[in-house]
Amino acid sequence: MSYLLHLVFAPGFFGNGPVRVALLAGGLVAVVSGIVGAFAVLRGQSYAGHALADISVTGGSGSYLAGISPLWGFVGVGVLAAAVMDLIGVRRPRGRDLATGIVRGAGLGLAALFLYWAATSSSSSGTTISILFGSMFTISTQTVPLIVGLGAAALAIVGATYRPLLLSSVSGDLAAARGVAVRATGVACLVAIAIAVSLSAMTIGAILSTALLVGPAAAALRVARRPGLAVALAAGLGLAATWLGVLLSYDSYYWPPAGHGWPVSFFVVALVFVIYLAAQPAGAWRARRARRREEGGACSPAS
């Protein structure tokens, strides 16, 4: 048994401080992203999540230039962008997409400027790589309480609006008829998505953060029948992909050529992709089974 454990876990894995921080912070972010992502997928807001992730680059790069934690920039600009997207959008899907595209383009323009300044600054070498692709092993212990607090805020938003979110995801008109504040619920969901992708930007990078938001949630919704089960499954799948990604990244330093490890973000995104592909057969089987039940009910004597 000890030999098998040695094959799976490279020497020093459990005693390594940065690894423990990566497991804690990455695990928290994965759970938040999975739960929030389930509603993003249900509501058809995957593109909005991708746009908010891109726009958060502006905040992260600006924070580096200002000498403060990039997480504040990621979250601040992400939440502001979510509010602006709702402010200039309309209720029709086409209007929401136009608003998302406009805000995304403006944010990426500023991000390009900030990243250029960071790349040409001698004191900010490697900033662009860290912002775009993450650096989970360099997360400081002082950042963990902030991650916990922001993650708790996103989960509190989802918990407080759980039933209205579900109802408005199925039918906005029905939700409005039952007295649900549809627009306020939508804004709350956008804010939760902004926080989730901003947290993911600290772990696997801004341009890859949508993978944790959408991938596990899409796989879970493909497999699970009940929304509550899908939410829990999405959180579990995201957590598994992140923790296994940390393990593989650490072990890769001992793969030939030794000393040249692979980034955590690559493994996490690759595992999310594999999970999504693996969920497709199960989802197709469930769909065929549901169709057979419907056909059997239609052909029964009672019908």
Protein backbone atom coordinates (compact mmCIF):
# COMPACT_ATOMS: atom_id res chain seq x y z
CA MET A 1 0.00 0.00 0.00
CA SER A 2 2.82 2.42 0.87
CA TYR A 3 4.43 1.66 -2.50
CA LEU A 4 1.19 2.52 -4.33
CA LEU A 5 0.83 5.74 -2.35
CA HIS A 6 4.40 6.64 -3.26
CA LEU A 7 3.59 6.12 -6.92
CA VAL A 8 0.54 8.40 -6.74
CA PHE A 9 1.86 11.10 -4.39
CA ALA A 10 5.33 12.45 -5.09
CA PRO A 11 7.64 12.95 -2.08
CA GLY A 12 6.72 15.92 0.10
CA PHE A 13 3.24 16.42 -1.34
CA PHE A 14 1.34 16.54 1.95
CA GLY A 15 4.06 18.46 3.78
CA ASN A 16 4.41 21.20 1.17
CA GLY A 17 2.97 24.54 2.33
CA PRO A 18 2.07 25.97 -1.10
CA VAL A 19 0.38 22.67 -1.99
CA ARG A 20 -1.83 22.81 1.11
CA VAL A 21 -2.80 26.40 0.30
CA ALA A 22 -3.51 25.42 -3.33
CA LEU A 23 -5.71 22.52 -2.21
CA LEU A 24 -7.64 24.73 0.22
CA ALA A 25 -8.04 27.79 -1.99
CA GLY A 26 -8.54 25.81 -5.18
CA GLY A 27 -11.08 23.54 -3.53
CA LEU A 28 -13.11 26.45 -2.21
CA VAL A 29 -13.09 28.17 -5.59
CA ALA A 30 -14.10 24.95 -7.38
CA VAL A 31 -17.10 24.42 -5.10
CA VAL A 32 -18.28 28.01 -5.52
CA SER A 33 -17.79 27.87 -9.30
CA GLY A 34 -19.68 24.59 -9.57
CA ILE A 35 -22.68 25.80 -7.60
CA VAL A 36 -22.89 29.19 -9.31
CA GLY A 37 -22.11 27.62 -12.68
CA ALA A 38 -25.14 25.33 -12.47
CA PHE A 39 -27.40 28.39 -12.51
CA ALA A 40 -25.32 30.09 -15.20
CA VAL A 41 -25.84 27.08 -17.48
CA LEU A 42 -29.53 26.73 -16.57
CA ARG A 43 -30.13 30.39 -17.39
CA GLY A 44 -28.13 30.30 -20.61
CA GLN A 45 -25.55 32.77 -19.26
CA SER A 46 -22.40 30.86 -20.13
CA TYR A 47 -21.41 33.59 -22.59
CA ALA A 48 -21.97 36.24 -19.91
CA GLY A 49 -19.67 34.28 -17.60
CA HIS A 50 -17.01 34.12 -20.32
CA ALA A 51 -17.34 37.86 -20.91
CA LEU A 52 -17.06 38.66 -17.19
CA ALA A 53 -13.95 36.48 -16.97
CA ASP A 54 -12.36 38.37 -19.87
CA ILE A 55 -13.32 41.75 -18.40
CA SER A 56 -11.86 40.81 -15.01
CA VAL A 57 -8.43 40.83 -16.67
CA THR A 58 -8.72 44.62 -16.61
CA GLY A 59 -9.09 44.63 -12.85
CA GLY A 60 -6.37 42.06 -12.23
CA SER A 61 -3.80 43.84 -14.38
CA GLY A 62 -4.77 47.24 -12.96
CA SER A 63 -4.34 45.92 -9.43
CA TYR A 64 -0.84 44.70 -10.22
CA LEU A 65 0.06 48.16 -11.47
CA ALA A 66 -1.46 49.75 -8.36
CA GLY A 67 0.42 47.37 -6.06
CA ILE A 68 -2.62 45.72 -4.46
CA SER A 69 -3.94 42.17 -4.48
CA PRO A 70 -5.20 41.24 -7.96
CA LEU A 71 -8.22 39.53 -6.40
CA TRP A 72 -9.65 42.92 -5.46
CA GLY A 73 -9.30 44.05 -9.05
CA PHE A 74 -10.79 40.85 -10.45
CA VAL A 75 -13.86 41.07 -8.22
CA GLY A 76 -14.31 44.83 -8.33
CA VAL A 77 -14.23 45.12 -12.11
CA GLY A 78 -16.23 41.90 -12.56
CA VAL A 79 -19.09 43.07 -10.32
CA LEU A 80 -19.04 46.53 -11.91
CA ALA A 81 -19.18 44.98 -15.38
CA ALA A 82 -22.14 42.80 -14.33
CA ALA A 83 -24.03 45.91 -13.22
CA VAL A 84 -23.21 47.79 -16.42
CA MET A 85 -24.25 44.81 -18.57
CA ASP A 86 -27.66 44.82 -16.90
CA LEU A 87 -27.95 48.60 -17.04
CA ILE A 88 -27.44 48.90 -20.80
CA GLY A 89 -29.11 45.60 -21.72
CA VAL A 90 -32.76 44.85 -22.30
CA ARG A 91 -34.87 41.85 -21.44
CA ARG A 92 -34.69 40.26 -24.86
CA PRO A 93 -31.80 37.77 -25.25
CA ARG A 94 -30.47 39.66 -28.26
CA GLY A 95 -30.22 42.85 -26.22
CA ARG A 96 -28.41 41.05 -23.40
CA ASP A 97 -25.90 39.61 -25.86
CA LEU A 98 -25.29 43.04 -27.38
CA ALA A 99 -24.73 44.58 -23.95
CA THR A 100 -22.39 41.75 -23.01
CA GLY A 101 -20.38 42.16 -26.20
CA ILE A 102 -20.08 45.94 -25.82
CA VAL A 103 -18.89 45.78 -22.21
CA ARG A 104 -16.55 42.87 -23.00
CA GLY A 105 -14.92 44.78 -25.86
CA ALA A 106 -14.37 47.89 -23.76
CA GLY A 107 -12.93 45.86 -20.88
CA LEU A 108 -10.53 43.92 -23.09
CA GLY A 109 -9.30 47.17 -24.62
CA LEU A 110 -8.33 48.49 -21.19
CA ALA A 111 -6.88 45.11 -20.25
CA ALA A 112 -4.61 45.18 -23.30
CA LEU A 113 -3.29 48.59 -22.21
CA PHE A 114 -2.72 47.53 -18.61
CA LEU A 115 -1.04 44.27 -19.60
CA TYR A 116 1.24 46.19 -21.97
CA TRP A 117 2.29 48.51 -19.18
CA ALA A 118 2.83 45.54 -16.86
CA ALA A 119 4.87 43.64 -19.47
CA THR A 120 7.12 46.64 -20.12
CA SER A 121 7.71 47.27 -16.43
CA SER A 122 10.89 45.74 -15.06
CA SER A 123 9.22 45.27 -11.66
CA SER A 124 6.29 43.26 -13.03
CA SER A 125 7.88 40.41 -14.94
CA GLY A 126 5.58 37.42 -15.33
CA THR A 127 2.48 39.43 -14.52
CA THR A 128 0.74 38.68 -17.81
CA ILE A 129 1.23 34.91 -17.39
CA SER A 130 -0.06 34.98 -13.81
CA ILE A 131 -3.16 36.99 -14.68
CA LEU A 132 -4.11 35.05 -17.80
CA PHE A 133 -3.21 31.51 -16.72
CA GLY A 134 -3.15 31.63 -12.93
CA SER A 135 -0.57 30.59 -10.39
CA MET A 136 -2.21 28.40 -7.78
CA PHE A 137 1.02 27.46 -6.00
CA THR A 138 1.82 31.14 -5.36
CA ILE A 139 -1.42 32.03 -3.56
CA SER A 140 -0.49 33.50 -0.19
CA THR A 141 -2.05 32.42 3.08
CA GLN A 142 -3.19 36.02 3.58
CA THR A 143 -5.38 35.74 0.48
CA VAL A 144 -7.23 32.63 1.68
CA PRO A 145 -9.56 34.49 4.15
CA LEU A 146 -10.51 36.88 1.34
CA ILE A 147 -11.27 33.94 -0.95
CA VAL A 148 -13.40 32.38 1.80
CA GLY A 149 -15.30 35.62 2.38
CA LEU A 150 -15.99 36.28 -1.30
CA GLY A 151 -16.95 32.67 -1.89
CA ALA A 152 -19.36 32.81 1.03
CA ALA A 153 -20.89 35.98 -0.44
CA ALA A 154 -21.49 34.27 -3.80
CA LEU A 155 -23.04 31.24 -2.12
CA ALA A 156 -25.21 33.50 0.07
CA ILE A 157 -26.56 35.21 -3.06
CA VAL A 158 -27.42 31.84 -4.61
CA GLY A 159 -28.95 30.55 -1.40
CA ALA A 160 -31.10 33.65 -0.87
CA THR A 161 -32.44 33.56 -4.44
CA TYR A 162 -32.46 29.79 -5.00
CA ARG A 163 -36.15 29.28 -5.77
CA PRO A 164 -36.61 32.51 -7.78
CA LEU A 165 -33.50 31.62 -9.78
CA LEU A 166 -34.86 28.18 -10.60
CA LEU A 167 -38.28 29.49 -11.55
CA SER A 168 -36.99 32.36 -13.69
CA SER A 169 -34.54 29.98 -15.36
CA VAL A 170 -37.46 27.82 -16.53
CA SER A 171 -39.80 30.66 -17.51
CA GLY A 172 -39.28 34.36 -16.91
CA ASP A 173 -42.94 35.10 -17.68
CA LEU A 174 -44.17 32.51 -15.19
CA ALA A 175 -41.78 33.84 -12.56
CA ALA A 176 -43.01 37.39 -13.12
CA ALA A 177 -46.64 36.21 -12.89
CA ARG A 178 -45.88 34.68 -9.50
CA GLY A 179 -44.42 37.92 -8.20
CA VAL A 180 -40.71 37.19 -8.66
CA ALA A 181 -38.54 40.26 -9.21
CA VAL A 182 -37.05 38.82 -12.38
CA ARG A 183 -34.62 41.63 -13.14
CA ALA A 184 -33.30 41.86 -9.58
CA THR A 185 -32.86 38.09 -9.53
CA GLY A 186 -30.96 38.27 -12.81
CA VAL A 187 -28.66 40.98 -11.50
CA ALA A 188 -27.98 38.94 -8.36
CA CYS A 189 -27.08 35.93 -10.48
CA LEU A 190 -24.74 38.03 -12.64
CA VAL A 191 -22.99 39.32 -9.51
CA ALA A 192 -22.55 35.76 -8.22
CA ILE A 193 -21.13 34.72 -11.61
CA ALA A 194 -18.73 37.69 -11.55
CA ILE A 195 -17.46 36.69 -8.11
CA ALA A 196 -17.08 33.04 -9.15
CA VAL A 197 -15.04 33.75 -12.28
CA SER A 198 -12.95 36.30 -10.38
CA LEU A 199 -12.06 33.68 -7.78
CA SER A 200 -11.24 31.19 -10.53
CA ALA A 201 -8.97 33.79 -12.11
CA MET A 202 -6.78 33.56 -8.99
CA THR A 203 -6.39 29.80 -9.39
CA ILE A 204 -6.43 28.82 -13.06
CA GLY A 205 -6.27 32.25 -14.71
CA ALA A 206 -8.76 34.73 -16.11
CA ILE A 207 -9.02 33.32 -19.62
CA LEU A 208 -9.52 29.77 -18.33
CA SER A 209 -11.81 30.49 -15.39
CA THR A 210 -14.95 29.81 -17.42
CA ALA A 211 -13.91 26.15 -17.60
CA LEU A 212 -14.62 25.69 -13.89
CA LEU A 213 -17.82 27.71 -14.15
CA VAL A 214 -19.36 25.90 -17.13
CA GLY A 215 -17.71 22.48 -17.52
CA PRO A 216 -18.65 20.70 -14.25
CA ALA A 217 -22.11 22.31 -14.27
CA ALA A 218 -22.83 21.26 -17.85
CA ALA A 219 -21.72 17.70 -17.08
CA ALA A 220 -23.81 17.55 -13.90
CA LEU A 221 -26.94 18.88 -15.60
CA ARG A 222 -26.43 16.32 -18.34
CA VAL A 223 -26.46 13.47 -15.83
CA ALA A 224 -28.68 14.55 -12.91
CA ARG A 225 -32.45 14.88 -13.19
CA ARG A 226 -33.11 17.16 -10.20
CA PRO A 227 -31.62 20.69 -10.05
CA GLY A 228 -30.52 20.30 -6.43
CA LEU A 229 -28.63 17.11 -7.23
CA ALA A 230 -27.07 18.76 -10.29
CA VAL A 231 -25.81 21.68 -8.18
CA ALA A 232 -24.18 19.34 -5.65
CA LEU A 233 -22.72 17.15 -8.40
CA ALA A 234 -21.28 20.19 -10.20
CA ALA A 235 -19.51 21.26 -7.01
CA GLY A 236 -18.13 17.75 -6.49
CA LEU A 237 -16.89 17.40 -10.07
CA GLY A 238 -15.18 20.79 -9.96
CA LEU A 239 -13.54 19.91 -6.64
CA ALA A 240 -12.30 16.56 -7.97
CA ALA A 241 -10.85 18.16 -11.13
CA THR A 242 -9.06 20.85 -9.11
CA TRP A 243 -7.56 18.58 -6.48
CA LEU A 244 -6.47 16.02 -9.05
CA GLY A 245 -5.02 18.85 -11.14
CA VAL A 246 -2.95 20.04 -8.17
CA LEU A 247 -1.68 16.49 -7.60
CA LEU A 248 -0.73 15.94 -11.25
CA SER A 249 0.97 19.32 -11.47
CA TYR A 250 3.05 18.57 -8.38
CA ASP A 251 3.93 15.09 -9.60
CA SER A 252 4.90 16.44 -13.03
CA TYR A 253 8.01 18.03 -11.53
CA TYR A 254 9.37 14.49 -11.20
CA TRP A 255 8.46 13.49 -14.75
CA PRO A 256 11.21 13.60 -17.37
CA PRO A 257 12.78 16.03 -17.86
CA ALA A 258 12.84 16.44 -14.09
CA GLY A 259 12.31 19.92 -12.70
CA HIS A 260 10.04 21.14 -15.50
CA GLY A 261 6.55 20.77 -14.09
CA TRP A 262 3.32 21.41 -15.99
CA PRO A 263 0.93 24.19 -14.88
CA VAL A 264 -2.05 23.39 -12.67
CA SER A 265 -4.39 25.26 -15.00
CA PHE A 266 -3.63 22.87 -17.86
CA PHE A 267 -4.50 19.79 -15.81
CA VAL A 268 -7.66 21.31 -14.31
CA VAL A 269 -9.03 22.41 -17.68
CA ALA A 270 -8.08 19.10 -19.31
CA LEU A 271 -9.80 17.14 -16.53
CA VAL A 272 -12.93 19.30 -16.78
CA PHE A 273 -13.02 18.58 -20.52
CA VAL A 274 -12.68 14.83 -19.89
CA ILE A 275 -15.46 14.96 -17.29
CA TYR A 276 -17.76 16.74 -19.73
CA LEU A 277 -17.06 14.18 -22.46
CA ALA A 278 -17.64 11.30 -20.03
CA ALA A 279 -21.04 12.74 -19.07
CA GLN A 280 -22.33 12.69 -22.65
CA PRO A 281 -23.09 8.93 -22.89
CA ALA A 282 -24.85 8.99 -19.53
CA GLY A 283 -26.91 11.99 -20.60
CA ALA A 284 -27.83 10.37 -23.91
CA TRP A 285 -28.88 7.16 -22.12
CA ARG A 286 -31.04 9.15 -19.71
CA ALA A 287 -32.69 11.01 -22.59
CA ARG A 288 -33.48 7.75 -24.42
CA ARG A 289 -34.92 6.25 -21.25
CA ALA A 290 -37.15 9.31 -20.72
CA ARG A 291 -38.40 9.08 -24.32
CA ARG A 292 -39.23 5.40 -23.91
CA ARG A 293 -41.22 6.16 -20.76
CA GLU A 294 -43.14 8.90 -22.55
CA GLU A 295 -43.88 6.64 -25.51
CA GLY A 296 -44.97 3.83 -23.22
CA GLY A 297 -47.30 6.17 -21.33
CA ALA A 298 -48.84 7.44 -24.57
CA CYS A 299 -49.53 3.89 -25.77
CA SER A 300 -51.00 2.63 -22.50
CA PRO A 301 -54.76 1.76 -22.35
CA ALA A 302 -55.37 4.49 -19.79
CA SER A 303 -54.20 7.12 -22.27
